[in-house]
Amino acid sequence: SPTRVVMDRKLRIPEDSALFDESIKTIVICGTSSE
């Protein structure tokens, strides 16, 4: 499976999304603080 990359400027994607299951490397490109 490829690395998943998701554009999420304001971190609006729900935390229970499949993209966040950590089964595959996922890079979230965001514009707000990711702290």
Full PDB file with SEQRES, HELIX, SHEET, SSBOND, CRYST1, ORIGX, SCALE, CONECT and MASTER records, all heavy atoms in Angstrom:
SEQRES   1 A   35  SER PRO THR ARG VAL VAL MET ASP ARG LYS LEU ARG ILE          
SEQRES   2 A   35  PRO GLU ASP SER ALA LEU PHE ASP GLU SER ILE LYS THR          
SEQRES   3 A   35  ILE VAL ILE CYS GLY THR SER SER GLU                          
HELIX    1 AA1 ALA A   18  PHE A   20  5                                   3    
SHEET    1 AA1 2 ARG A   4  MET A   7  0                                        
SHEET    2 AA1 2 THR A  26  ILE A  29  1                                        
CRYST1    1.000    1.000    1.000  90.00  90.00  90.00 P 1           1          
ORIGX1      1.000000  0.000000  0.000000        0.00000                         
ORIGX2      0.000000  1.000000  0.000000        0.00000                         
ORIGX3      0.000000  0.000000  1.000000        0.00000                         
SCALE1      1.000000  0.000000  0.000000        0.00000                         
SCALE2      0.000000  1.000000  0.000000        0.00000                         
SCALE3      0.000000  0.000000  1.000000        0.00000                         
ATOM      1  N   SER A   1       0.851  -1.186   0.000  1.00  0.00           N  
ATOM      2  CA  SER A   1       0.000   0.000   0.000  1.00  0.00           C  
ATOM      3  C   SER A   1       0.888   1.238   0.000  1.00  0.00           C  
ATOM      4  O   SER A   1       1.937   1.262   0.650  1.00  0.00           O  
ATOM      5  CB  SER A   1      -0.902   0.015   1.240  1.00  0.00           C  
ATOM      6  OG  SER A   1      -1.878  -0.994   1.150  1.00  0.00           O  
ATOM      7  N   PRO A   2       0.488   2.273  -0.715  1.00  0.00           N  
ATOM      8  CA  PRO A   2       1.294   3.496  -0.750  1.00  0.00           C  
ATOM      9  C   PRO A   2       1.151   4.289   0.550  1.00  0.00           C  
ATOM     10  O   PRO A   2       0.204   4.099   1.312  1.00  0.00           O  
ATOM     11  CB  PRO A   2       0.681   4.272  -1.919  1.00  0.00           C  
ATOM     12  CG  PRO A   2      -0.754   3.836  -1.935  1.00  0.00           C  
ATOM     13  CD  PRO A   2      -0.732   2.385  -1.521  1.00  0.00           C  
ATOM     14  N   THR A   3       2.097   5.162   0.783  1.00  0.00           N  
ATOM     15  CA  THR A   3       1.954   6.120   1.878  1.00  0.00           C  
ATOM     16  C   THR A   3       0.741   6.972   1.575  1.00  0.00           C  
ATOM     17  O   THR A   3       0.554   7.437   0.443  1.00  0.00           O  
ATOM     18  CB  THR A   3       3.217   7.009   1.994  1.00  0.00           C  
ATOM     19  OG1 THR A   3       4.330   6.190   2.318  1.00  0.00           O  
ATOM     20  CG2 THR A   3       3.038   8.100   3.027  1.00  0.00           C  
ATOM     21  N   ARG A   4      -0.104   7.172   2.574  1.00  0.00           N  
ATOM     22  CA  ARG A   4      -1.289   8.010   2.391  1.00  0.00           C  
ATOM     23  C   ARG A   4      -0.903   9.451   2.742  1.00  0.00           C  
ATOM     24  O   ARG A   4      -0.263   9.693   3.759  1.00  0.00           O  
ATOM     25  CB  ARG A   4      -2.421   7.535   3.293  1.00  0.00           C  
ATOM     26  CG  ARG A   4      -2.792   6.082   3.058  1.00  0.00           C  
ATOM     27  CD  ARG A   4      -3.887   5.595   3.956  1.00  0.00           C  
ATOM     28  NE  ARG A   4      -3.502   5.515   5.347  1.00  0.00           N  
ATOM     29  CZ  ARG A   4      -4.158   4.799   6.266  1.00  0.00           C  
ATOM     30  NH1 ARG A   4      -5.233   4.104   5.927  1.00  0.00           N  
ATOM     31  NH2 ARG A   4      -3.760   4.778   7.516  1.00  0.00           N  
ATOM     32  N   VAL A   5      -1.306  10.379   1.881  1.00  0.00           N  
ATOM     33  CA  VAL A   5      -1.059  11.796   2.116  1.00  0.00           C  
ATOM     34  C   VAL A   5      -2.407  12.488   2.043  1.00  0.00           C  
ATOM     35  O   VAL A   5      -3.173  12.275   1.102  1.00  0.00           O  
ATOM     36  CB  VAL A   5      -0.099  12.398   1.066  1.00  0.00           C  
ATOM     37  CG1 VAL A   5       0.161  13.873   1.346  1.00  0.00           C  
ATOM     38  CG2 VAL A   5       1.211  11.617   1.012  1.00  0.00           C  
ATOM     39  N   VAL A   6      -2.702  13.289   3.045  1.00  0.00           N  
ATOM     40  CA  VAL A   6      -3.988  13.984   3.063  1.00  0.00           C  
ATOM     41  C   VAL A   6      -3.768  15.461   3.358  1.00  0.00           C  
ATOM     42  O   VAL A   6      -2.981  15.823   4.230  1.00  0.00           O  
ATOM     43  CB  VAL A   6      -4.969  13.339   4.075  1.00  0.00           C  
ATOM     44  CG1 VAL A   6      -4.437  13.402   5.481  1.00  0.00           C  
ATOM     45  CG2 VAL A   6      -6.340  13.987   4.002  1.00  0.00           C  
ATOM     46  N   MET A   7      -4.422  16.283   2.556  1.00  0.00           N  
ATOM     47  CA  MET A   7      -4.392  17.728   2.779  1.00  0.00           C  
ATOM     48  C   MET A   7      -5.506  18.054   3.768  1.00  0.00           C  
ATOM     49  O   MET A   7      -6.672  17.789   3.486  1.00  0.00           O  
ATOM     50  CB  MET A   7      -4.651  18.473   1.460  1.00  0.00           C  
ATOM     51  CG  MET A   7      -3.652  18.178   0.366  1.00  0.00           C  
ATOM     52  SD  MET A   7      -2.010  18.777   0.722  1.00  0.00           S  
ATOM     53  CE  MET A   7      -2.324  20.518   0.823  1.00  0.00           C  
ATOM     54  N   ASP A   8      -5.144  18.606   4.899  1.00  0.00           N  
ATOM     55  CA  ASP A   8      -6.148  18.960   5.910  1.00  0.00           C  
ATOM     56  C   ASP A   8      -5.716  20.254   6.584  1.00  0.00           C  
ATOM     57  O   ASP A   8      -5.223  20.266   7.713  1.00  0.00           O  
ATOM     58  CB  ASP A   8      -6.314  17.823   6.930  1.00  0.00           C  
ATOM     59  CG  ASP A   8      -7.519  18.024   7.837  1.00  0.00           C  
ATOM     60  OD1 ASP A   8      -8.318  18.964   7.597  1.00  0.00           O  
ATOM     61  OD2 ASP A   8      -7.655  17.252   8.791  1.00  0.00           O  
ATOM     62  N   ARG A   9      -5.910  21.333   5.868  1.00  0.00           N  
ATOM     63  CA  ARG A   9      -5.434  22.654   6.298  1.00  0.00           C  
ATOM     64  C   ARG A   9      -5.810  22.988   7.731  1.00  0.00           C  
ATOM     65  O   ARG A   9      -4.998  23.461   8.505  1.00  0.00           O  
ATOM     66  CB  ARG A   9      -5.979  23.712   5.341  1.00  0.00           C  
ATOM     67  CG  ARG A   9      -5.544  25.105   5.666  1.00  0.00           C  
ATOM     68  CD  ARG A   9      -6.094  26.089   4.661  1.00  0.00           C  
ATOM     69  NE  ARG A   9      -5.544  27.407   4.875  1.00  0.00           N  
ATOM     70  CZ  ARG A   9      -5.678  28.403   4.024  1.00  0.00           C  
ATOM     71  NH1 ARG A   9      -6.330  28.229   2.895  1.00  0.00           N  
ATOM     72  NH2 ARG A   9      -5.158  29.574   4.294  1.00  0.00           N  
ATOM     73  N   LYS A  10      -7.058  22.737   8.102  1.00  0.00           N  
ATOM     74  CA  LYS A  10      -7.555  23.142   9.429  1.00  0.00           C  
ATOM     75  C   LYS A  10      -7.813  21.954  10.355  1.00  0.00           C  
ATOM     76  O   LYS A  10      -8.511  22.101  11.349  1.00  0.00           O  
ATOM     77  CB  LYS A  10      -8.816  23.981   9.269  1.00  0.00           C  
ATOM     78  CG  LYS A  10      -8.563  25.273   8.501  1.00  0.00           C  
ATOM     79  CD  LYS A  10      -9.826  26.088   8.346  1.00  0.00           C  
ATOM     80  CE  LYS A  10      -9.519  27.343   7.546  1.00  0.00           C  
ATOM     81  NZ  LYS A  10     -10.743  28.125   7.305  1.00  0.00           N  
ATOM     82  N   LEU A  11      -7.258  20.796  10.012  1.00  0.00           N  
ATOM     83  CA  LEU A  11      -7.427  19.578  10.820  1.00  0.00           C  
ATOM     84  C   LEU A  11      -8.903  19.296  11.096  1.00  0.00           C  
ATOM     85  O   LEU A  11      -9.321  19.136  12.237  1.00  0.00           O  
ATOM     86  CB  LEU A  11      -6.615  19.675  12.115  1.00  0.00           C  
ATOM     87  CG  LEU A  11      -5.096  19.801  11.930  1.00  0.00           C  
ATOM     88  CD1 LEU A  11      -4.408  20.025  13.262  1.00  0.00           C  
ATOM     89  CD2 LEU A  11      -4.542  18.574  11.229  1.00  0.00           C  
ATOM     90  N   ARG A  12      -9.684  19.220  10.016  1.00  0.00           N  
ATOM     91  CA  ARG A  12     -11.130  18.976  10.110  1.00  0.00           C  
ATOM     92  C   ARG A  12     -11.514  17.506  10.002  1.00  0.00           C  
ATOM     93  O   ARG A  12     -12.657  17.150  10.258  1.00  0.00           O  
ATOM     94  CB  ARG A  12     -11.872  19.744   9.000  1.00  0.00           C  
ATOM     95  CG  ARG A  12     -11.815  21.241   9.119  1.00  0.00           C  
ATOM     96  CD  ARG A  12     -12.744  21.947   8.138  1.00  0.00           C  
ATOM     97  NE  ARG A  12     -12.505  21.601   6.741  1.00  0.00           N  
ATOM     98  CZ  ARG A  12     -13.405  21.008   5.942  1.00  0.00           C  
ATOM     99  NH1 ARG A  12     -14.597  20.696   6.379  1.00  0.00           N  
ATOM    100  NH2 ARG A  12     -13.114  20.751   4.687  1.00  0.00           N  
ATOM    101  N   ILE A  13     -10.586  16.646   9.593  1.00  0.00           N  
ATOM    102  CA  ILE A  13     -10.925  15.234   9.403  1.00  0.00           C  
ATOM    103  C   ILE A  13     -11.139  14.588  10.774  1.00  0.00           C  
ATOM    104  O   ILE A  13     -10.303  14.721  11.667  1.00  0.00           O  
ATOM    105  CB  ILE A  13      -9.809  14.508   8.629  1.00  0.00           C  
ATOM    106  CG1 ILE A  13      -9.640  15.168   7.246  1.00  0.00           C  
ATOM    107  CG2 ILE A  13     -10.121  13.027   8.490  1.00  0.00           C  
ATOM    108  CD1 ILE A  13      -8.429  14.688   6.485  1.00  0.00           C  
ATOM    109  N   PRO A  14     -12.258  13.891  10.953  1.00  0.00           N  
ATOM    110  CA  PRO A  14     -12.533  13.251  12.254  1.00  0.00           C  
ATOM    111  C   PRO A  14     -11.432  12.269  12.654  1.00  0.00           C  
ATOM    112  O   PRO A  14     -10.872  11.560  11.811  1.00  0.00           O  
ATOM    113  CB  PRO A  14     -13.857  12.514  12.019  1.00  0.00           C  
ATOM    114  CG  PRO A  14     -14.497  13.230  10.874  1.00  0.00           C  
ATOM    115  CD  PRO A  14     -13.360  13.704  10.005  1.00  0.00           C  
ATOM    116  N   GLU A  15     -11.143  12.242  13.934  1.00  0.00           N  
ATOM    117  CA  GLU A  15     -10.066  11.384  14.452  1.00  0.00           C  
ATOM    118  C   GLU A  15     -10.335   9.897  14.253  1.00  0.00           C  
ATOM    119  O   GLU A  15      -9.398   9.105  14.220  1.00  0.00           O  
ATOM    120  CB  GLU A  15      -9.820  11.686  15.927  1.00  0.00           C  
ATOM    121  CG  GLU A  15      -9.204  13.056  16.142  1.00  0.00           C  
ATOM    122  CD  GLU A  15      -8.932  13.355  17.606  1.00  0.00           C  
ATOM    123  OE1 GLU A  15      -8.805  12.404  18.407  1.00  0.00           O  
ATOM    124  OE2 GLU A  15      -8.847  14.543  17.940  1.00  0.00           O  
ATOM    125  N   ASP A  16     -11.612   9.508  14.097  1.00  0.00           N  
ATOM    126  CA  ASP A  16     -11.927   8.088  13.903  1.00  0.00           C  
ATOM    127  C   ASP A  16     -11.912   7.676  12.429  1.00  0.00           C  
ATOM    128  O   ASP A  16     -12.347   6.582  12.077  1.00  0.00           O  
ATOM    129  CB  ASP A  16     -13.280   7.747  14.534  1.00  0.00           C  
ATOM    130  CG  ASP A  16     -14.455   8.463  13.868  1.00  0.00           C  
ATOM    131  OD1 ASP A  16     -14.224   9.407  13.077  1.00  0.00           O  
ATOM    132  OD2 ASP A  16     -15.602   8.073  14.127  1.00  0.00           O  
ATOM    133  N   SER A  17     -11.366   8.512  11.559  1.00  0.00           N  
ATOM    134  CA  SER A  17     -11.288   8.212  10.129  1.00  0.00           C  
ATOM    135  C   SER A  17     -10.315   7.073   9.854  1.00  0.00           C  
ATOM    136  O   SER A  17      -9.316   6.907  10.556  1.00  0.00           O  
ATOM    137  CB  SER A  17     -10.841   9.448   9.347  1.00  0.00           C  
ATOM    138  OG  SER A  17     -11.808  10.466   9.443  1.00  0.00           O  
ATOM    139  N   ALA A  18     -10.608   6.318   8.798  1.00  0.00           N  
ATOM    140  CA  ALA A  18      -9.744   5.204   8.400  1.00  0.00           C  
ATOM    141  C   ALA A  18      -8.322   5.671   8.117  1.00  0.00           C  
ATOM    142  O   ALA A  18      -7.366   4.925   8.354  1.00  0.00           O  
ATOM    143  CB  ALA A  18     -10.334   4.508   7.170  1.00  0.00           C  
ATOM    144  N   LEU A  19      -8.161   6.890   7.654  1.00  0.00           N  
ATOM    145  CA  LEU A  19      -6.830   7.415   7.362  1.00  0.00           C  
ATOM    146  C   LEU A  19      -5.956   7.498   8.611  1.00  0.00           C  
ATOM    147  O   LEU A  19      -4.728   7.516   8.511  1.00  0.00           O  
ATOM    148  CB  LEU A  19      -6.930   8.805   6.731  1.00  0.00           C  
ATOM    149  CG  LEU A  19      -7.506   8.859   5.320  1.00  0.00           C  
ATOM    150  CD1 LEU A  19      -7.758  10.296   4.905  1.00  0.00           C  
ATOM    151  CD2 LEU A  19      -6.590   8.155   4.337  1.00  0.00           C  
ATOM    152  N   PHE A  20      -6.569   7.552   9.770  1.00  0.00           N  
ATOM    153  CA  PHE A  20      -5.821   7.700  11.021  1.00  0.00           C  
ATOM    154  C   PHE A  20      -5.675   6.388  11.783  1.00  0.00           C  
ATOM    155  O   PHE A  20      -5.308   6.389  12.953  1.00  0.00           O  
ATOM    156  CB  PHE A  20      -6.487   8.748  11.910  1.00  0.00           C  
ATOM    157  CG  PHE A  20      -6.522  10.132  11.304  1.00  0.00           C  
ATOM    158  CD1 PHE A  20      -7.548  11.005  11.611  1.00  0.00           C  
ATOM    159  CD2 PHE A  20      -5.539  10.566  10.432  1.00  0.00           C  
ATOM    160  CE1 PHE A  20      -7.592  12.286  11.067  1.00  0.00           C  
ATOM    161  CE2 PHE A  20      -5.571  11.838   9.872  1.00  0.00           C  
ATOM    162  CZ  PHE A  20      -6.594  12.697  10.187  1.00  0.00           C  
ATOM    163  N   ASP A  21      -5.929   5.258  11.133  1.00  0.00           N  
ATOM    164  CA  ASP A  21      -5.858   3.976  11.845  1.00  0.00           C  
ATOM    165  C   ASP A  21      -4.421   3.492  12.065  1.00  0.00           C  
ATOM    166  O   ASP A  21      -4.197   2.485  12.724  1.00  0.00           O  
ATOM    167  CB  ASP A  21      -6.673   2.906  11.124  1.00  0.00           C  
ATOM    168  CG  ASP A  21      -6.092   2.512   9.766  1.00  0.00           C  
ATOM    169  OD1 ASP A  21      -4.990   2.991   9.397  1.00  0.00           O  
ATOM    170  OD2 ASP A  21      -6.748   1.720   9.070  1.00  0.00           O  
ATOM    171  N   GLU A  22      -3.456   4.194  11.523  1.00  0.00           N  
ATOM    172  CA  GLU A  22      -2.016   3.914  11.672  1.00  0.00           C  
ATOM    173  C   GLU A  22      -1.591   2.564  11.096  1.00  0.00           C  
ATOM    174  O   GLU A  22      -0.504   2.083  11.371  1.00  0.00           O  
ATOM    175  CB  GLU A  22      -1.559   4.066  13.122  1.00  0.00           C  
ATOM    176  CG  GLU A  22      -1.771   5.481  13.624  1.00  0.00           C  
ATOM    177  CD  GLU A  22      -0.917   5.845  14.822  1.00  0.00           C  
ATOM    178  OE1 GLU A  22       0.281   5.489  14.831  1.00  0.00           O  
ATOM    179  OE2 GLU A  22      -1.443   6.480  15.738  1.00  0.00           O  
ATOM    180  N   SER A  23      -2.430   1.951  10.260  1.00  0.00           N  
ATOM    181  CA  SER A  23      -2.060   0.688   9.612  1.00  0.00           C  
ATOM    182  C   SER A  23      -1.073   0.911   8.473  1.00  0.00           C  
ATOM    183  O   SER A  23      -0.350   0.000   8.084  1.00  0.00           O  
ATOM    184  CB  SER A  23      -3.305  -0.018   9.081  1.00  0.00           C  
ATOM    185  OG  SER A  23      -3.914   0.756   8.062  1.00  0.00           O  
ATOM    186  N   ILE A  24      -1.073   2.123   7.936  1.00  0.00           N  
ATOM    187  CA  ILE A  24      -0.203   2.511   6.827  1.00  0.00           C  
ATOM    188  C   ILE A  24       0.363   3.885   7.163  1.00  0.00           C  
ATOM    189  O   ILE A  24      -0.333   4.712   7.757  1.00  0.00           O  
ATOM    190  CB  ILE A  24      -1.006   2.615   5.506  1.00  0.00           C  
ATOM    191  CG1 ILE A  24      -1.712   1.301   5.181  1.00  0.00           C  
ATOM    192  CG2 ILE A  24      -0.121   3.050   4.346  1.00  0.00           C  
ATOM    193  CD1 ILE A  24      -2.737   1.429   4.068  1.00  0.00           C  
ATOM    194  N   LYS A  25       1.596   4.134   6.759  1.00  0.00           N  
ATOM    195  CA  LYS A  25       2.173   5.460   6.979  1.00  0.00           C  
ATOM    196  C   LYS A  25       1.264   6.505   6.339  1.00  0.00           C  
ATOM    197  O   LYS A  25       0.881   6.385   5.173  1.00  0.00           O  
ATOM    198  CB  LYS A  25       3.573   5.538   6.381  1.00  0.00           C  
ATOM    199  CG  LYS A  25       4.250   6.879   6.607  1.00  0.00           C  
ATOM    200  CD  LYS A  25       5.663   6.873   6.057  1.00  0.00           C  
ATOM    201  CE  LYS A  25       6.324   8.216   6.253  1.00  0.00           C  
ATOM    202  NZ  LYS A  25       7.671   8.235   5.662  1.00  0.00           N  
ATOM    203  N   THR A  26       0.925   7.526   7.118  1.00  0.00           N  
ATOM    204  CA  THR A  26       0.035   8.589   6.656  1.00  0.00           C  
ATOM    205  C   THR A  26       0.646   9.939   7.008  1.00  0.00           C  
ATOM    206  O   THR A  26       1.041  10.163   8.154  1.00  0.00           O  
ATOM    207  CB  THR A  26      -1.357   8.461   7.314  1.00  0.00           C  
ATOM    208  OG1 THR A  26      -1.888   7.160   7.014  1.00  0.00           O  
ATOM    209  CG2 THR A  26      -2.307   9.534   6.824  1.00  0.00           C  
ATOM    210  N   ILE A  27       0.727  10.809   6.021  1.00  0.00           N  
ATOM    211  CA  ILE A  27       1.243  12.161   6.222  1.00  0.00           C  
ATOM    212  C   ILE A  27       0.076  13.124   6.079  1.00  0.00           C  
ATOM    213  O   ILE A  27      -0.604  13.132   5.052  1.00  0.00           O  
ATOM    214  CB  ILE A  27       2.344  12.505   5.195  1.00  0.00           C  
ATOM    215  CG1 ILE A  27       3.517  11.515   5.324  1.00  0.00           C  
ATOM    216  CG2 ILE A  27       2.815  13.949   5.372  1.00  0.00           C  
ATOM    217  CD1 ILE A  27       4.548  11.634   4.222  1.00  0.00           C  
ATOM    218  N   VAL A  28      -0.160  13.929   7.103  1.00  0.00           N  
ATOM    219  CA  VAL A  28      -1.213  14.941   7.079  1.00  0.00           C  
ATOM    220  C   VAL A  28      -0.544  16.288   6.855  1.00  0.00           C  
ATOM    221  O   VAL A  28       0.246  16.745   7.689  1.00  0.00           O  
ATOM    222  CB  VAL A  28      -2.012  14.957   8.403  1.00  0.00           C  
ATOM    223  CG1 VAL A  28      -3.106  16.018   8.342  1.00  0.00           C  
ATOM    224  CG2 VAL A  28      -2.597  13.585   8.694  1.00  0.00           C  
ATOM    225  N   ILE A  29      -0.841  16.901   5.717  1.00  0.00           N  
ATOM    226  CA  ILE A  29      -0.293  18.218   5.420  1.00  0.00           C  
ATOM    227  C   ILE A  29      -1.317  19.234   5.901  1.00  0.00           C  
ATOM    228  O   ILE A  29      -2.441  19.276   5.403  1.00  0.00           O  
ATOM    229  CB  ILE A  29       0.023  18.363   3.923  1.00  0.00           C  
ATOM    230  CG1 ILE A  29       1.092  17.330   3.538  1.00  0.00           C  
ATOM    231  CG2 ILE A  29       0.480  19.778   3.601  1.00  0.00           C  
ATOM    232  CD1 ILE A  29       1.482  17.324   2.087  1.00  0.00           C  
ATOM    233  N   CYS A  30      -0.912  20.013   6.900  1.00  0.00           N  
ATOM    234  CA  CYS A  30      -1.852  20.928   7.540  1.00  0.00           C  
ATOM    235  C   CYS A  30      -1.270  22.332   7.619  1.00  0.00           C  
ATOM    236  O   CYS A  30      -0.085  22.543   7.385  1.00  0.00           O  
ATOM    237  CB  CYS A  30      -2.215  20.404   8.934  1.00  0.00           C  
ATOM    238  SG  CYS A  30      -0.808  20.083  10.000  1.00  0.00           S  
ATOM    239  N   GLY A  31      -2.118  23.268   7.954  1.00  0.00           N  
ATOM    240  CA  GLY A  31      -1.697  24.658   8.053  1.00  0.00           C  
ATOM    241  C   GLY A  31      -1.811  25.198   9.459  1.00  0.00           C  
ATOM    242  O   GLY A  31      -1.245  26.232   9.774  1.00  0.00           O  
ATOM    243  N   THR A  32      -2.534  24.482  10.294  1.00  0.00           N  
ATOM    244  CA  THR A  32      -2.675  24.917  11.676  1.00  0.00           C  
ATOM    245  C   THR A  32      -1.786  24.056  12.554  1.00  0.00           C  
ATOM    246  O   THR A  32      -1.306  23.010  12.143  1.00  0.00           O  
ATOM    247  CB  THR A  32      -4.137  24.794  12.150  1.00  0.00           C  
ATOM    248  OG1 THR A  32      -4.535  23.423  12.034  1.00  0.00           O  
ATOM    249  CG2 THR A  32      -5.065  25.656  11.319  1.00  0.00           C  
ATOM    250  N   SER A  33      -1.581  24.503  13.742  1.00  0.00           N  
ATOM    251  CA  SER A  33      -0.702  23.782  14.648  1.00  0.00           C  
ATOM    252  C   SER A  33      -1.176  22.349  14.843  1.00  0.00           C  
ATOM    253  O   SER A  33      -2.347  22.088  15.087  1.00  0.00           O  
ATOM    254  CB  SER A  33      -0.657  24.497  15.992  1.00  0.00           C  
ATOM    255  OG  SER A  33       0.112  23.757  16.902  1.00  0.00           O  
ATOM    256  N   SER A  34      -0.242  21.432  14.738  1.00  0.00           N  
ATOM    257  CA  SER A  34      -0.570  20.027  14.916  1.00  0.00           C  
ATOM    258  C   SER A  34      -0.241  19.560  16.327  1.00  0.00           C  
ATOM    259  O   SER A  34      -0.158  18.369  16.580  1.00  0.00           O  
ATOM    260  CB  SER A  34       0.185  19.185  13.883  1.00  0.00           C  
ATOM    261  OG  SER A  34       1.578  19.376  14.041  1.00  0.00           O  
ATOM    262  N   GLU A  35      -0.052  20.495  17.257  1.00  0.00           N  
ATOM    263  CA  GLU A  35       0.312  20.134  18.630  1.00  0.00           C  
ATOM    264  C   GLU A  35      -0.750  19.267  19.286  1.00  0.00           C  
ATOM    265  O   GLU A  35      -0.438  18.394  20.086  1.00  0.00           O  
ATOM    266  CB  GLU A  35       0.561  21.392  19.461  1.00  0.00           C  
ATOM    267  CG  GLU A  35       1.806  22.150  19.029  1.00  0.00           C  
ATOM    268  CD  GLU A  35       1.957  23.465  19.757  1.00  0.00           C  
ATOM    269  OE1 GLU A  35       1.234  23.703  20.746  1.00  0.00           O  
ATOM    270  OE2 GLU A  35       2.801  24.268  19.339  1.00  0.00           O  
TER     271      GLU A  35                                                      
MASTER        0    0    0    1    2    0    0    6  270    1    0    3          
END                                                                             
